[in-house]
Amino acid sequence: MVSANTAEKKPEATSPVVAPAKSKACTPGVLDVPLANEPASAGIMYNLAEHPKSIRAVAGRLLNEALEQQKSPAAGLACADCKTAERPRVVYKVAPVHFLHEREQKAVCLKLDAQTRKRPFKFAPQRFATVTELNDWVMAFTQGQGEAGKELYRLCSANCSPRYQFEIGQDEKGLTVDTRVQCGPARDRASDEYAVSTALRVECGATKGAVAQAR
């Protein structure tokens, strides 16, 4: 996550390519394979006009690219000598880039940051038919609209800033989304810059072709 530091470096755009992992011993567990990390603007005029650098436009493009990568057999290569338990899920994150100095932060925000860093706020799973519907819901949610958005603003109150993680699965019926939010330091509202990133969350199971040992 992004720490409360006004000297944060701007995120650099990266190409959404999954690099094949070198063969290595199987270590079962969950692995996040980074795909892309790009800056985007939350400025209202950018988003109303759907400017290419708006959060809506950047998110829509990166999500579509990630969902295509999700279908690729190359995603399973990250598990090396482990078997891939199931199709990977897309992890989509949105976070402010610039924050107020710590001396300007409210105590409640620093307290919430420590708490939700360990245990993020969880919201009910959602289902959508298309990326456009998902993006519309995310925009409304982050602006405090709808039942989930209102609950978000109640939990992350004062001038504390949410940092979002959406874990997205895909099947023949559409998209399923699990939402986690870390509520932390207030962002510097002189900047509308956010970091938008995507990754594939791969579940690596037991070693391929493992033979059960006799007791």
N, C-alpha and C. Protein backbone atom coordinates (compact mmCIF):
# COMPACT_ATOMS: atom_id res chain seq x y z
N MET A 1 0.83 -1.20 0.00
CA MET A 1 0.00 0.00 0.00
C MET A 1 0.87 1.27 0.00
N VAL A 2 0.30 2.42 -0.28
CA VAL A 2 1.03 3.68 -0.36
C VAL A 2 1.11 4.27 1.03
N SER A 3 2.29 4.70 1.48
CA SER A 3 2.43 5.29 2.81
C SER A 3 2.20 6.79 2.76
N ALA A 4 1.98 7.39 3.94
CA ALA A 4 1.70 8.81 4.03
C ALA A 4 2.98 9.59 3.85
N ASN A 5 3.30 9.96 2.66
CA ASN A 5 4.56 10.64 2.36
C ASN A 5 4.36 11.52 1.15
N THR A 6 4.61 12.81 1.31
CA THR A 6 4.37 13.75 0.21
C THR A 6 5.41 13.62 -0.88
N ALA A 7 6.49 12.86 -0.63
CA ALA A 7 7.56 12.74 -1.61
C ALA A 7 7.41 11.46 -2.43
N GLU A 8 6.18 10.93 -2.50
CA GLU A 8 5.94 9.71 -3.25
C GLU A 8 6.33 9.90 -4.73
N LYS A 9 6.95 8.87 -5.30
CA LYS A 9 7.26 8.91 -6.72
C LYS A 9 6.02 8.57 -7.52
N LYS A 10 5.89 9.18 -8.67
CA LYS A 10 4.74 8.90 -9.52
C LYS A 10 4.87 7.50 -10.11
N PRO A 11 3.76 6.76 -10.16
CA PRO A 11 3.83 5.41 -10.74
C PRO A 11 4.13 5.48 -12.22
N GLU A 12 4.97 4.56 -12.67
CA GLU A 12 5.32 4.51 -14.08
C GLU A 12 4.50 3.43 -14.78
N ALA A 13 4.07 3.74 -15.99
CA ALA A 13 3.28 2.77 -16.74
C ALA A 13 4.14 1.56 -17.05
N THR A 14 3.56 0.38 -16.91
CA THR A 14 4.26 -0.84 -17.24
C THR A 14 3.41 -1.66 -18.19
N SER A 15 4.05 -2.49 -18.98
CA SER A 15 3.33 -3.27 -19.97
C SER A 15 2.67 -4.47 -19.33
N PRO A 16 1.38 -4.73 -19.66
CA PRO A 16 0.65 -5.84 -19.05
C PRO A 16 1.03 -7.19 -19.65
N VAL A 17 2.23 -7.67 -19.29
CA VAL A 17 2.71 -8.93 -19.84
C VAL A 17 3.11 -9.85 -18.70
N VAL A 18 2.66 -11.07 -18.72
CA VAL A 18 3.05 -12.05 -17.72
C VAL A 18 4.31 -12.75 -18.19
N ALA A 19 5.41 -12.57 -17.46
CA ALA A 19 6.67 -13.20 -17.85
C ALA A 19 6.69 -14.64 -17.35
N PRO A 20 7.04 -15.60 -18.21
CA PRO A 20 7.12 -16.99 -17.76
C PRO A 20 8.13 -17.13 -16.63
N ALA A 21 7.74 -17.86 -15.58
CA ALA A 21 8.64 -18.05 -14.45
C ALA A 21 9.62 -19.18 -14.75
N LYS A 22 10.82 -19.08 -14.20
CA LYS A 22 11.80 -20.15 -14.35
C LYS A 22 11.36 -21.34 -13.51
N SER A 23 11.67 -22.52 -13.99
CA SER A 23 11.30 -23.73 -13.26
C SER A 23 11.96 -23.74 -11.89
N LYS A 24 11.20 -24.04 -10.86
CA LYS A 24 11.73 -24.10 -9.51
C LYS A 24 10.86 -25.03 -8.70
N ALA A 25 11.33 -25.35 -7.51
CA ALA A 25 10.60 -26.26 -6.65
C ALA A 25 9.23 -25.69 -6.31
N CYS A 26 8.27 -26.59 -6.12
CA CYS A 26 6.90 -26.17 -5.83
C CYS A 26 6.78 -25.63 -4.42
N THR A 27 6.21 -24.43 -4.30
CA THR A 27 5.88 -23.86 -3.00
C THR A 27 4.41 -23.48 -3.03
N PRO A 28 3.53 -24.37 -2.56
CA PRO A 28 2.09 -24.09 -2.62
C PRO A 28 1.74 -22.78 -1.91
N GLY A 29 0.76 -22.09 -2.45
CA GLY A 29 0.32 -20.84 -1.85
C GLY A 29 -0.32 -19.94 -2.89
N VAL A 30 -0.54 -18.68 -2.51
CA VAL A 30 -1.16 -17.71 -3.40
C VAL A 30 -0.09 -16.74 -3.88
N LEU A 31 -0.04 -16.52 -5.18
CA LEU A 31 0.99 -15.67 -5.78
C LEU A 31 0.34 -14.60 -6.64
N ASP A 32 0.72 -13.33 -6.45
CA ASP A 32 0.23 -12.24 -7.29
C ASP A 32 1.26 -11.93 -8.37
N VAL A 33 0.84 -12.03 -9.62
CA VAL A 33 1.71 -11.75 -10.76
C VAL A 33 1.35 -10.36 -11.30
N PRO A 34 2.20 -9.33 -11.10
CA PRO A 34 1.87 -7.98 -11.56
C PRO A 34 1.67 -7.91 -13.07
N LEU A 35 0.68 -7.13 -13.48
CA LEU A 35 0.42 -6.93 -14.90
C LEU A 35 0.72 -5.50 -15.32
N ALA A 36 0.07 -4.52 -14.67
CA ALA A 36 0.23 -3.12 -15.08
C ALA A 36 0.07 -2.20 -13.88
N ASN A 37 0.68 -1.02 -13.99
CA ASN A 37 0.59 0.00 -12.95
C ASN A 37 0.67 1.35 -13.64
N GLU A 38 -0.43 2.09 -13.65
CA GLU A 38 -0.47 3.35 -14.39
C GLU A 38 -1.09 4.46 -13.55
N PRO A 39 -0.68 5.72 -13.80
CA PRO A 39 -1.32 6.86 -13.14
C PRO A 39 -2.64 7.18 -13.81
N ALA A 40 -3.56 7.74 -13.04
CA ALA A 40 -4.86 8.16 -13.58
C ALA A 40 -5.37 9.34 -12.76
N SER A 41 -6.28 10.09 -13.35
CA SER A 41 -6.81 11.28 -12.68
C SER A 41 -8.24 11.04 -12.19
N ALA A 42 -8.51 11.51 -10.95
CA ALA A 42 -9.86 11.45 -10.40
C ALA A 42 -10.58 12.78 -10.61
N GLY A 43 -9.96 13.70 -11.33
CA GLY A 43 -10.58 15.00 -11.59
C GLY A 43 -11.93 14.84 -12.26
N ILE A 44 -12.91 15.58 -11.79
CA ILE A 44 -14.29 15.41 -12.27
C ILE A 44 -14.42 15.68 -13.76
N MET A 45 -13.70 16.68 -14.26
CA MET A 45 -13.80 17.00 -15.68
C MET A 45 -13.18 15.88 -16.54
N TYR A 46 -12.08 15.32 -16.05
CA TYR A 46 -11.46 14.21 -16.77
C TYR A 46 -12.45 13.05 -16.89
N ASN A 47 -13.13 12.74 -15.77
CA ASN A 47 -13.99 11.57 -15.75
C ASN A 47 -15.33 11.80 -16.45
N LEU A 48 -15.84 13.04 -16.37
CA LEU A 48 -17.08 13.34 -17.09
C LEU A 48 -16.86 13.23 -18.59
N ALA A 49 -15.68 13.65 -19.03
CA ALA A 49 -15.36 13.61 -20.45
C ALA A 49 -14.75 12.27 -20.88
N GLU A 50 -14.55 11.38 -19.89
CA GLU A 50 -13.91 10.09 -20.14
C GLU A 50 -12.59 10.26 -20.88
N HIS A 51 -11.77 11.19 -20.36
CA HIS A 51 -10.44 11.43 -20.89
C HIS A 51 -9.61 10.15 -20.79
N PRO A 52 -8.70 9.89 -21.74
CA PRO A 52 -7.88 8.66 -21.68
C PRO A 52 -7.11 8.49 -20.38
N LYS A 53 -6.83 9.60 -19.66
CA LYS A 53 -6.10 9.51 -18.40
C LYS A 53 -7.01 9.51 -17.18
N SER A 54 -8.33 9.49 -17.39
CA SER A 54 -9.26 9.44 -16.27
C SER A 54 -9.23 8.04 -15.65
N ILE A 55 -9.60 7.95 -14.37
CA ILE A 55 -9.65 6.65 -13.70
C ILE A 55 -10.58 5.71 -14.46
N ARG A 56 -11.73 6.21 -14.89
CA ARG A 56 -12.68 5.36 -15.60
C ARG A 56 -12.06 4.75 -16.86
N ALA A 57 -11.37 5.57 -17.65
CA ALA A 57 -10.79 5.08 -18.90
C ALA A 57 -9.62 4.14 -18.64
N VAL A 58 -8.72 4.52 -17.73
CA VAL A 58 -7.56 3.68 -17.43
C VAL A 58 -8.01 2.35 -16.85
N ALA A 59 -8.95 2.41 -15.90
CA ALA A 59 -9.43 1.18 -15.26
C ALA A 59 -10.09 0.26 -16.27
N GLY A 60 -10.93 0.80 -17.13
CA GLY A 60 -11.60 -0.03 -18.12
C GLY A 60 -10.62 -0.73 -19.03
N ARG A 61 -9.60 0.00 -19.47
CA ARG A 61 -8.61 -0.59 -20.38
C ARG A 61 -7.79 -1.66 -19.68
N LEU A 62 -7.28 -1.35 -18.47
CA LEU A 62 -6.44 -2.31 -17.76
C LEU A 62 -7.22 -3.56 -17.35
N LEU A 63 -8.50 -3.37 -16.98
CA LEU A 63 -9.31 -4.52 -16.60
C LEU A 63 -9.55 -5.45 -17.79
N ASN A 64 -9.87 -4.87 -18.94
CA ASN A 64 -10.07 -5.70 -20.13
C ASN A 64 -8.80 -6.47 -20.49
N GLU A 65 -7.65 -5.80 -20.39
CA GLU A 65 -6.38 -6.46 -20.69
C GLU A 65 -6.11 -7.58 -19.69
N ALA A 66 -6.39 -7.31 -18.40
CA ALA A 66 -6.14 -8.32 -17.36
C ALA A 66 -7.05 -9.53 -17.52
N LEU A 67 -8.31 -9.29 -17.88
CA LEU A 67 -9.24 -10.41 -18.06
C LEU A 67 -8.85 -11.29 -19.24
N GLU A 68 -8.21 -10.69 -20.26
CA GLU A 68 -7.70 -11.48 -21.36
C GLU A 68 -6.50 -12.32 -20.91
N GLN A 69 -5.61 -11.69 -20.11
CA GLN A 69 -4.46 -12.41 -19.58
C GLN A 69 -4.91 -13.56 -18.67
N GLN A 70 -6.04 -13.35 -17.98
CA GLN A 70 -6.56 -14.35 -17.06
C GLN A 70 -6.88 -15.66 -17.78
N LYS A 71 -7.27 -15.57 -19.05
CA LYS A 71 -7.63 -16.75 -19.84
C LYS A 71 -6.40 -17.46 -20.40
N SER A 72 -5.26 -16.80 -20.36
CA SER A 72 -4.06 -17.34 -21.00
C SER A 72 -3.43 -18.45 -20.17
N PRO A 73 -3.01 -19.54 -20.80
CA PRO A 73 -2.31 -20.61 -20.09
C PRO A 73 -1.01 -20.12 -19.46
N ALA A 74 -0.45 -19.00 -19.98
CA ALA A 74 0.82 -18.48 -19.46
C ALA A 74 0.70 -18.09 -18.00
N ALA A 75 -0.51 -17.73 -17.55
CA ALA A 75 -0.70 -17.33 -16.15
C ALA A 75 -0.30 -18.44 -15.20
N GLY A 76 -0.58 -19.68 -15.59
CA GLY A 76 -0.25 -20.82 -14.73
C GLY A 76 1.24 -21.08 -14.60
N LEU A 77 2.07 -20.50 -15.51
CA LEU A 77 3.51 -20.71 -15.44
C LEU A 77 4.12 -20.11 -14.17
N ALA A 78 3.42 -19.16 -13.57
CA ALA A 78 3.93 -18.53 -12.35
C ALA A 78 4.05 -19.54 -11.22
N CYS A 79 3.28 -20.64 -11.30
CA CYS A 79 3.31 -21.66 -10.25
C CYS A 79 4.49 -22.62 -10.39
N ALA A 80 5.30 -22.43 -11.45
CA ALA A 80 6.48 -23.27 -11.66
C ALA A 80 6.09 -24.74 -11.62
N ASP A 81 6.68 -25.53 -10.68
CA ASP A 81 6.42 -26.96 -10.62
C ASP A 81 5.18 -27.32 -9.82
N CYS A 82 4.43 -26.33 -9.39
CA CYS A 82 3.15 -26.59 -8.74
C CYS A 82 2.06 -26.68 -9.81
N LYS A 83 0.96 -27.26 -9.49
CA LYS A 83 -0.19 -27.23 -10.40
C LYS A 83 -1.05 -26.02 -10.06
N THR A 84 -1.71 -25.45 -11.04
CA THR A 84 -2.59 -24.32 -10.81
C THR A 84 -3.96 -24.84 -10.41
N ALA A 85 -4.43 -24.41 -9.23
CA ALA A 85 -5.67 -24.95 -8.69
C ALA A 85 -6.88 -24.61 -9.56
N GLU A 86 -6.94 -23.39 -10.06
CA GLU A 86 -8.06 -22.96 -10.87
C GLU A 86 -7.66 -21.71 -11.64
N ARG A 87 -8.59 -21.21 -12.47
CA ARG A 87 -8.28 -20.00 -13.24
C ARG A 87 -7.94 -18.86 -12.28
N PRO A 88 -6.85 -18.12 -12.52
CA PRO A 88 -6.49 -17.02 -11.62
C PRO A 88 -7.55 -15.93 -11.59
N ARG A 89 -7.53 -15.15 -10.52
CA ARG A 89 -8.44 -14.02 -10.39
C ARG A 89 -7.66 -12.74 -10.62
N VAL A 90 -8.34 -11.72 -11.12
CA VAL A 90 -7.71 -10.42 -11.36
C VAL A 90 -7.78 -9.60 -10.07
N VAL A 91 -6.66 -9.04 -9.68
CA VAL A 91 -6.63 -8.12 -8.54
C VAL A 91 -6.44 -6.71 -9.10
N TYR A 92 -7.42 -5.87 -8.83
CA TYR A 92 -7.44 -4.49 -9.35
C TYR A 92 -7.41 -3.55 -8.15
N LYS A 93 -6.40 -2.66 -8.12
CA LYS A 93 -6.23 -1.75 -6.98
C LYS A 93 -6.24 -0.29 -7.44
N VAL A 94 -6.81 0.55 -6.59
CA VAL A 94 -6.82 2.00 -6.84
C VAL A 94 -6.44 2.69 -5.53
N ALA A 95 -5.44 3.58 -5.58
CA ALA A 95 -4.99 4.27 -4.37
C ALA A 95 -4.48 5.67 -4.71
N PRO A 96 -4.69 6.64 -3.80
CA PRO A 96 -4.13 7.98 -4.01
C PRO A 96 -2.61 7.91 -4.04
N VAL A 97 -2.01 8.87 -4.70
CA VAL A 97 -0.55 8.92 -4.79
C VAL A 97 0.05 9.90 -3.78
N HIS A 98 -0.62 11.04 -3.57
CA HIS A 98 -0.06 12.09 -2.72
C HIS A 98 -0.90 12.26 -1.44
N PHE A 99 -0.22 12.33 -0.30
CA PHE A 99 -0.88 12.42 0.99
C PHE A 99 -0.40 13.64 1.77
N LEU A 100 -1.23 14.10 2.70
CA LEU A 100 -0.82 15.17 3.59
C LEU A 100 0.32 14.69 4.48
N HIS A 101 1.14 15.64 4.95
CA HIS A 101 2.22 15.28 5.86
C HIS A 101 1.62 14.71 7.14
N GLU A 102 2.37 13.84 7.80
CA GLU A 102 1.87 13.16 9.00
C GLU A 102 1.40 14.14 10.07
N ARG A 103 2.07 15.30 10.19
CA ARG A 103 1.66 16.25 11.23
C ARG A 103 0.30 16.88 10.92
N GLU A 104 -0.16 16.76 9.69
CA GLU A 104 -1.46 17.30 9.30
C GLU A 104 -2.57 16.24 9.35
N GLN A 105 -2.19 14.99 9.66
CA GLN A 105 -3.16 13.91 9.66
C GLN A 105 -3.95 13.87 10.97
N LYS A 106 -5.22 13.51 10.86
CA LYS A 106 -6.04 13.33 12.04
C LYS A 106 -5.72 11.99 12.68
N ALA A 107 -5.81 11.96 14.02
CA ALA A 107 -5.49 10.75 14.76
C ALA A 107 -6.37 9.58 14.32
N VAL A 108 -7.64 9.87 14.00
CA VAL A 108 -8.56 8.81 13.62
C VAL A 108 -8.11 8.12 12.33
N CYS A 109 -7.51 8.89 11.41
CA CYS A 109 -7.06 8.30 10.15
C CYS A 109 -5.83 7.41 10.36
N LEU A 110 -4.92 7.84 11.22
CA LEU A 110 -3.74 7.03 11.51
C LEU A 110 -4.15 5.75 12.23
N LYS A 111 -5.15 5.86 13.10
CA LYS A 111 -5.64 4.68 13.82
C LYS A 111 -6.31 3.70 12.85
N LEU A 112 -7.16 4.23 11.97
CA LEU A 112 -7.83 3.37 10.98
C LEU A 112 -6.83 2.73 10.03
N ASP A 113 -5.78 3.47 9.69
CA ASP A 113 -4.76 2.93 8.80
C ASP A 113 -4.11 1.70 9.42
N ALA A 114 -3.75 1.79 10.69
CA ALA A 114 -3.12 0.66 11.38
C ALA A 114 -4.07 -0.53 11.48
N GLN A 115 -5.35 -0.25 11.74
CA GLN A 115 -6.33 -1.32 11.89
C GLN A 115 -6.65 -2.01 10.57
N THR A 116 -6.92 -1.21 9.55
CA THR A 116 -7.36 -1.80 8.28
C THR A 116 -6.20 -2.31 7.42
N ARG A 117 -4.99 -1.94 7.77
CA ARG A 117 -3.84 -2.53 7.09
C ARG A 117 -3.79 -4.03 7.39
N LYS A 118 -4.14 -4.38 8.64
CA LYS A 118 -4.16 -5.78 9.04
C LYS A 118 -5.48 -6.46 8.70
N ARG A 119 -6.58 -5.70 8.82
CA ARG A 119 -7.91 -6.26 8.59
C ARG A 119 -8.75 -5.27 7.79
N PRO A 120 -8.64 -5.30 6.47
CA PRO A 120 -9.39 -4.35 5.63
C PRO A 120 -10.90 -4.51 5.80
N PHE A 121 -11.63 -3.44 5.51
CA PHE A 121 -13.09 -3.52 5.48
C PHE A 121 -13.50 -4.43 4.31
N LYS A 122 -14.46 -5.32 4.55
CA LYS A 122 -14.94 -6.23 3.52
C LYS A 122 -16.37 -5.87 3.15
N PHE A 123 -16.69 -5.99 1.87
CA PHE A 123 -18.03 -5.69 1.39
C PHE A 123 -18.60 -6.91 0.67
N ALA A 124 -19.92 -6.97 0.63
CA ALA A 124 -20.60 -8.13 0.04
C ALA A 124 -20.18 -8.32 -1.41
N PRO A 125 -19.99 -9.57 -1.83
CA PRO A 125 -19.63 -9.86 -3.23
C PRO A 125 -20.69 -9.32 -4.20
N GLN A 126 -20.23 -8.90 -5.36
CA GLN A 126 -21.11 -8.37 -6.41
C GLN A 126 -20.93 -9.19 -7.69
N ARG A 127 -21.94 -9.20 -8.55
CA ARG A 127 -21.85 -9.88 -9.83
C ARG A 127 -22.26 -8.93 -10.95
N PHE A 128 -21.50 -8.96 -12.06
CA PHE A 128 -21.77 -8.08 -13.19
C PHE A 128 -21.63 -8.86 -14.49
N ALA A 129 -22.38 -8.44 -15.48
CA ALA A 129 -22.33 -9.11 -16.78
C ALA A 129 -21.15 -8.64 -17.62
N THR A 130 -20.72 -7.37 -17.44
CA THR A 130 -19.67 -6.79 -18.28
C THR A 130 -18.71 -5.93 -17.46
N VAL A 131 -17.56 -5.63 -18.05
CA VAL A 131 -16.60 -4.74 -17.41
C VAL A 131 -17.20 -3.34 -17.25
N THR A 132 -18.00 -2.90 -18.21
CA THR A 132 -18.64 -1.58 -18.12
C THR A 132 -19.54 -1.49 -16.90
N GLU A 133 -20.33 -2.53 -16.65
CA GLU A 133 -21.19 -2.54 -15.47
C GLU A 133 -20.36 -2.54 -14.19
N LEU A 134 -19.29 -3.31 -14.18
CA LEU A 134 -18.38 -3.33 -13.03
C LEU A 134 -17.79 -1.95 -12.79
N ASN A 135 -17.31 -1.31 -13.85
CA ASN A 135 -16.69 0.00 -13.74
C ASN A 135 -17.70 1.04 -13.22
N ASP A 136 -18.95 0.97 -13.70
CA ASP A 136 -19.99 1.88 -13.24
C ASP A 136 -20.23 1.71 -11.74
N TRP A 137 -20.26 0.44 -11.30
CA TRP A 137 -20.47 0.18 -9.87
C TRP A 137 -19.30 0.70 -9.03
N VAL A 138 -18.08 0.48 -9.52
CA VAL A 138 -16.89 0.94 -8.79
C VAL A 138 -16.92 2.46 -8.66
N MET A 139 -17.25 3.16 -9.75
CA MET A 139 -17.30 4.62 -9.70
C MET A 139 -18.34 5.10 -8.68
N ALA A 140 -19.52 4.47 -8.66
CA ALA A 140 -20.57 4.85 -7.71
C ALA A 140 -20.14 4.51 -6.28
N PHE A 141 -19.58 3.32 -6.09
CA PHE A 141 -19.13 2.87 -4.76
C PHE A 141 -18.11 3.84 -4.17
N THR A 142 -17.11 4.21 -4.96
CA THR A 142 -16.05 5.08 -4.46
C THR A 142 -16.52 6.52 -4.22
N GLN A 143 -17.68 6.87 -4.76
CA GLN A 143 -18.24 8.20 -4.53
C GLN A 143 -19.32 8.18 -3.44
N GLY A 144 -19.44 7.05 -2.74
CA GLY A 144 -20.38 6.96 -1.63
C GLY A 144 -21.81 6.74 -2.04
N GLN A 145 -22.04 6.25 -3.24
CA GLN A 145 -23.41 6.03 -3.72
C GLN A 145 -23.81 4.57 -3.54
N GLY A 146 -25.12 4.33 -3.39
CA GLY A 146 -25.61 2.98 -3.19
C GLY A 146 -25.39 2.52 -1.76
N GLU A 147 -25.94 1.36 -1.44
CA GLU A 147 -25.85 0.84 -0.07
C GLU A 147 -24.41 0.63 0.35
N ALA A 148 -23.59 0.00 -0.52
CA ALA A 148 -22.19 -0.27 -0.18
C ALA A 148 -21.39 1.02 -0.08
N GLY A 149 -21.65 1.97 -0.98
CA GLY A 149 -20.93 3.25 -0.94
C GLY A 149 -21.22 4.04 0.32
N LYS A 150 -22.47 4.03 0.75
CA LYS A 150 -22.83 4.74 1.98
C LYS A 150 -22.16 4.10 3.19
N GLU A 151 -22.09 2.76 3.18
CA GLU A 151 -21.41 2.06 4.27
C GLU A 151 -19.92 2.37 4.27
N LEU A 152 -19.33 2.47 3.09
CA LEU A 152 -17.92 2.83 2.97
C LEU A 152 -17.66 4.19 3.61
N TYR A 153 -18.47 5.19 3.28
CA TYR A 153 -18.27 6.53 3.81
C TYR A 153 -18.52 6.59 5.31
N ARG A 154 -19.37 5.71 5.84
CA ARG A 154 -19.59 5.65 7.29
C ARG A 154 -18.36 5.07 7.98
N LEU A 155 -17.80 4.02 7.40
CA LEU A 155 -16.64 3.36 8.00
C LEU A 155 -15.37 4.18 7.86
N CYS A 156 -15.18 4.77 6.69
CA CYS A 156 -13.98 5.56 6.42
C CYS A 156 -14.38 7.04 6.41
N SER A 157 -14.57 7.59 7.60
CA SER A 157 -15.13 8.94 7.75
C SER A 157 -14.03 9.99 7.86
N ALA A 158 -14.41 11.14 8.38
CA ALA A 158 -13.51 12.30 8.50
C ALA A 158 -12.95 12.60 7.11
N ASN A 159 -11.65 12.92 7.04
CA ASN A 159 -11.05 13.15 5.72
C ASN A 159 -10.11 12.01 5.35
N CYS A 160 -10.30 10.86 6.00
CA CYS A 160 -9.46 9.69 5.73
C CYS A 160 -9.67 9.21 4.29
N SER A 161 -8.62 8.66 3.69
CA SER A 161 -8.68 8.26 2.29
C SER A 161 -8.71 6.75 2.13
N PRO A 162 -9.70 6.23 1.39
CA PRO A 162 -9.75 4.79 1.12
C PRO A 162 -8.73 4.39 0.05
N ARG A 163 -8.23 3.17 0.18
CA ARG A 163 -7.44 2.52 -0.84
C ARG A 163 -8.15 1.20 -1.15
N TYR A 164 -8.42 0.98 -2.42
CA TYR A 164 -9.34 -0.08 -2.82
C TYR A 164 -8.62 -1.28 -3.42
N GLN A 165 -9.15 -2.47 -3.11
CA GLN A 165 -8.72 -3.69 -3.79
C GLN A 165 -9.97 -4.47 -4.21
N PHE A 166 -10.06 -4.76 -5.50
CA PHE A 166 -11.17 -5.54 -6.06
C PHE A 166 -10.60 -6.83 -6.62
N GLU A 167 -11.06 -7.97 -6.10
CA GLU A 167 -10.61 -9.26 -6.59
C GLU A 167 -11.70 -9.82 -7.50
N ILE A 168 -11.37 -10.05 -8.76
CA ILE A 168 -12.37 -10.30 -9.80
C ILE A 168 -12.20 -11.69 -10.40
N GLY A 169 -13.28 -12.47 -10.34
CA GLY A 169 -13.32 -13.77 -10.99
C GLY A 169 -14.17 -13.68 -12.24
N GLN A 170 -13.96 -14.60 -13.16
CA GLN A 170 -14.70 -14.59 -14.42
C GLN A 170 -15.17 -15.99 -14.76
N ASP A 171 -16.46 -16.12 -15.11
CA ASP A 171 -16.99 -17.40 -15.58
C ASP A 171 -17.98 -17.13 -16.71
N GLU A 172 -18.68 -18.15 -17.13
CA GLU A 172 -19.59 -18.00 -18.27
C GLU A 172 -20.75 -17.05 -17.98
N LYS A 173 -21.03 -16.78 -16.71
CA LYS A 173 -22.14 -15.90 -16.34
C LYS A 173 -21.71 -14.44 -16.19
N GLY A 174 -20.40 -14.19 -16.21
CA GLY A 174 -19.94 -12.81 -16.07
C GLY A 174 -18.82 -12.68 -15.06
N LEU A 175 -18.85 -11.60 -14.28
CA LEU A 175 -17.78 -11.26 -13.35
C LEU A 175 -18.28 -11.27 -11.92
N THR A 176 -17.49 -11.83 -11.02
CA THR A 176 -17.78 -11.74 -9.59
C THR A 176 -16.70 -10.91 -8.93
N VAL A 177 -17.08 -10.07 -7.97
CA VAL A 177 -16.14 -9.11 -7.38
C VAL A 177 -16.22 -9.14 -5.87
N ASP A 178 -15.06 -9.35 -5.23
CA ASP A 178 -14.92 -9.22 -3.78
C ASP A 178 -14.15 -7.93 -3.52
N THR A 179 -14.66 -7.11 -2.61
CA THR A 179 -14.09 -5.78 -2.38
C THR A 179 -13.50 -5.67 -0.98
N ARG A 180 -12.27 -5.15 -0.91
CA ARG A 180 -11.60 -4.87 0.35
C ARG A 180 -11.13 -3.41 0.32
N VAL A 181 -11.23 -2.73 1.46
CA VAL A 181 -10.83 -1.33 1.52
C VAL A 181 -9.96 -1.08 2.74
N GLN A 182 -8.82 -0.44 2.51
CA GLN A 182 -7.98 0.05 3.60
C GLN A 182 -8.25 1.54 3.75
N CYS A 183 -8.61 1.95 4.95
CA CYS A 183 -8.90 3.36 5.22
C CYS A 183 -7.71 3.95 5.94
N GLY A 184 -7.10 4.99 5.36
CA GLY A 184 -5.87 5.48 5.94
C GLY A 184 -5.69 6.98 5.88
N PRO A 185 -4.46 7.44 5.79
CA PRO A 185 -4.14 8.86 5.83
C PRO A 185 -4.87 9.66 4.76
N ALA A 186 -5.15 10.92 5.08
CA ALA A 186 -5.84 11.80 4.13
C ALA A 186 -4.93 12.13 2.96
N ARG A 187 -5.50 12.10 1.78
CA ARG A 187 -4.72 12.45 0.61
C ARG A 187 -4.60 13.97 0.49
N ASP A 188 -3.59 14.41 -0.23
CA ASP A 188 -3.42 15.83 -0.53
C ASP A 188 -4.38 16.19 -1.66
N ARG A 189 -5.43 16.92 -1.35
CA ARG A 189 -6.46 17.22 -2.34
C ARG A 189 -6.02 18.23 -3.39
N ALA A 190 -4.79 18.72 -3.27
CA ALA A 190 -4.25 19.55 -4.34
C ALA A 190 -3.93 18.70 -5.57
N SER A 191 -3.88 17.38 -5.38
CA SER A 191 -3.61 16.46 -6.48
C SER A 191 -4.78 15.49 -6.64
N ASP A 192 -5.14 15.24 -7.89
CA ASP A 192 -6.19 14.25 -8.20
C ASP A 192 -5.58 12.96 -8.74
N GLU A 193 -4.26 12.78 -8.54
CA GLU A 193 -3.59 11.64 -9.12
C GLU A 193 -3.75 10.37 -8.28
N TYR A 194 -4.09 9.28 -8.95
CA TYR A 194 -4.22 7.97 -8.32
C TYR A 194 -3.36 6.97 -9.07
N ALA A 195 -3.00 5.88 -8.39
CA ALA A 195 -2.30 4.76 -9.03
C ALA A 195 -3.32 3.64 -9.26
N VAL A 196 -3.41 3.17 -10.49
CA VAL A 196 -4.31 2.07 -10.84
C VAL A 196 -3.44 0.89 -11.25
N SER A 197 -3.63 -0.26 -10.61
CA SER A 197 -2.80 -1.41 -10.93
C SER A 197 -3.64 -2.67 -11.07
N THR A 198 -3.10 -3.63 -11.82
CA THR A 198 -3.73 -4.93 -11.98
C THR A 198 -2.69 -6.03 -11.79
N ALA A 199 -3.15 -7.18 -11.35
CA ALA A 199 -2.30 -8.35 -11.18
C ALA A 199 -3.17 -9.59 -11.34
N LEU A 200 -2.54 -10.74 -11.55
CA LEU A 200 -3.25 -12.01 -11.55
C LEU A 200 -2.93 -12.72 -10.24
N ARG A 201 -3.95 -13.13 -9.52
CA ARG A 201 -3.77 -13.87 -8.26
C ARG A 201 -3.92 -15.35 -8.58
N VAL A 202 -2.79 -16.05 -8.54
CA VAL A 202 -2.73 -17.46 -8.91
C VAL A 202 -2.64 -18.32 -7.66
N GLU A 203 -3.46 -19.36 -7.58
CA GLU A 203 -3.40 -20.31 -6.47
C GLU A 203 -2.58 -21.52 -6.92
N CYS A 204 -1.43 -21.69 -6.29
CA CYS A 204 -0.54 -22.79 -6.64
C CYS A 204 -0.79 -23.96 -5.69
N GLY A 205 -1.21 -25.10 -6.27
CA GLY A 205 -1.53 -26.26 -5.44
C GLY A 205 -0.34 -27.16 -5.23
N ALA A 206 -0.61 -28.43 -4.91
CA ALA A 206 0.45 -29.39 -4.63
C ALA A 206 1.27 -29.65 -5.89
N THR A 207 2.44 -30.24 -5.70
CA THR A 207 3.34 -30.52 -6.81
C THR A 207 2.67 -31.36 -7.88
N LYS A 208 2.92 -31.02 -9.14
CA LYS A 208 2.36 -31.79 -10.26
C LYS A 208 2.83 -33.25 -10.17
N GLY A 209 1.87 -34.14 -10.28
CA GLY A 209 2.21 -35.55 -10.29
C GLY A 209 2.70 -36.11 -8.97
N ALA A 210 2.37 -35.41 -7.86
CA ALA A 210 2.81 -35.86 -6.55
C ALA A 210 2.21 -37.22 -6.22
N VAL A 211 3.02 -38.09 -5.59
CA VAL A 211 2.56 -39.43 -5.23
C VAL A 211 2.37 -39.49 -3.73
N ALA A 212 1.21 -40.00 -3.30
CA ALA A 212 0.93 -40.10 -1.88
C ALA A 212 1.93 -41.05 -1.21
N GLN A 213 2.43 -40.66 -0.05
CA GLN A 213 3.39 -41.49 0.67
C GLN A 213 2.65 -42.51 1.53
N ALA A 214 3.23 -43.70 1.63
CA ALA A 214 2.63 -44.75 2.48
C ALA A 214 2.82 -44.41 3.94
N ARG A 215 1.83 -44.72 4.75
CA ARG A 215 1.95 -44.44 6.18
C ARG A 215 2.74 -45.54 6.87
